[in-house]
Amino acid sequence: DTHTPEQRSENMRRIKSRDSGPEMVVRRLLHSLGYRYRLHRKDLPGKPDIVFSSRRKVVFVHGCFWHSHNVPGCRNKRKPKSNAEYWLRKLERNQARDQANIAALDALGWSALVVWECKTKERPALAERLQAFLC
């Protein structure tokens, strides 16, 4: 690791769980398409990033690193090189939690869509995907 523990701690402290860049891209796109929504409802499993209550649909915007996006071509997926055992366990727990949250939402009658960070760069395709999900 090229950072001291204090530098690494400060870097990690700055990472936001809400209002991230990819989340803002999706929110702006949805708003431009005429959709209105609520944010981070705490009463729903996983506190979804974007909630359409009347449609009973939610959108999660996942960071490719934090949620282990494992598809070829994703530039944001990378495996940690330092303290790898800790990070791999943490990322596996994140994936398990994501699956459990989506299953819990499904059991409550809600539909969920996951938008990956790397897919927010393809705006026309993302707009089509969001519109298809919300119809």
Foldseek 3Di string as FASTA:
>chain_A
DPDDPVVVVVVVVPDDPAPDPLLVLLVVLCVVVPDDWDAQDPVAQPSAGTHDPVQLEGEHEDECDQQVPDDPPQPRHDQDDPPRVVSVVNNVVSNVSVVVRQVRSVVVVHHYHYHYSSNSVVSVVSSVVVVVVRD
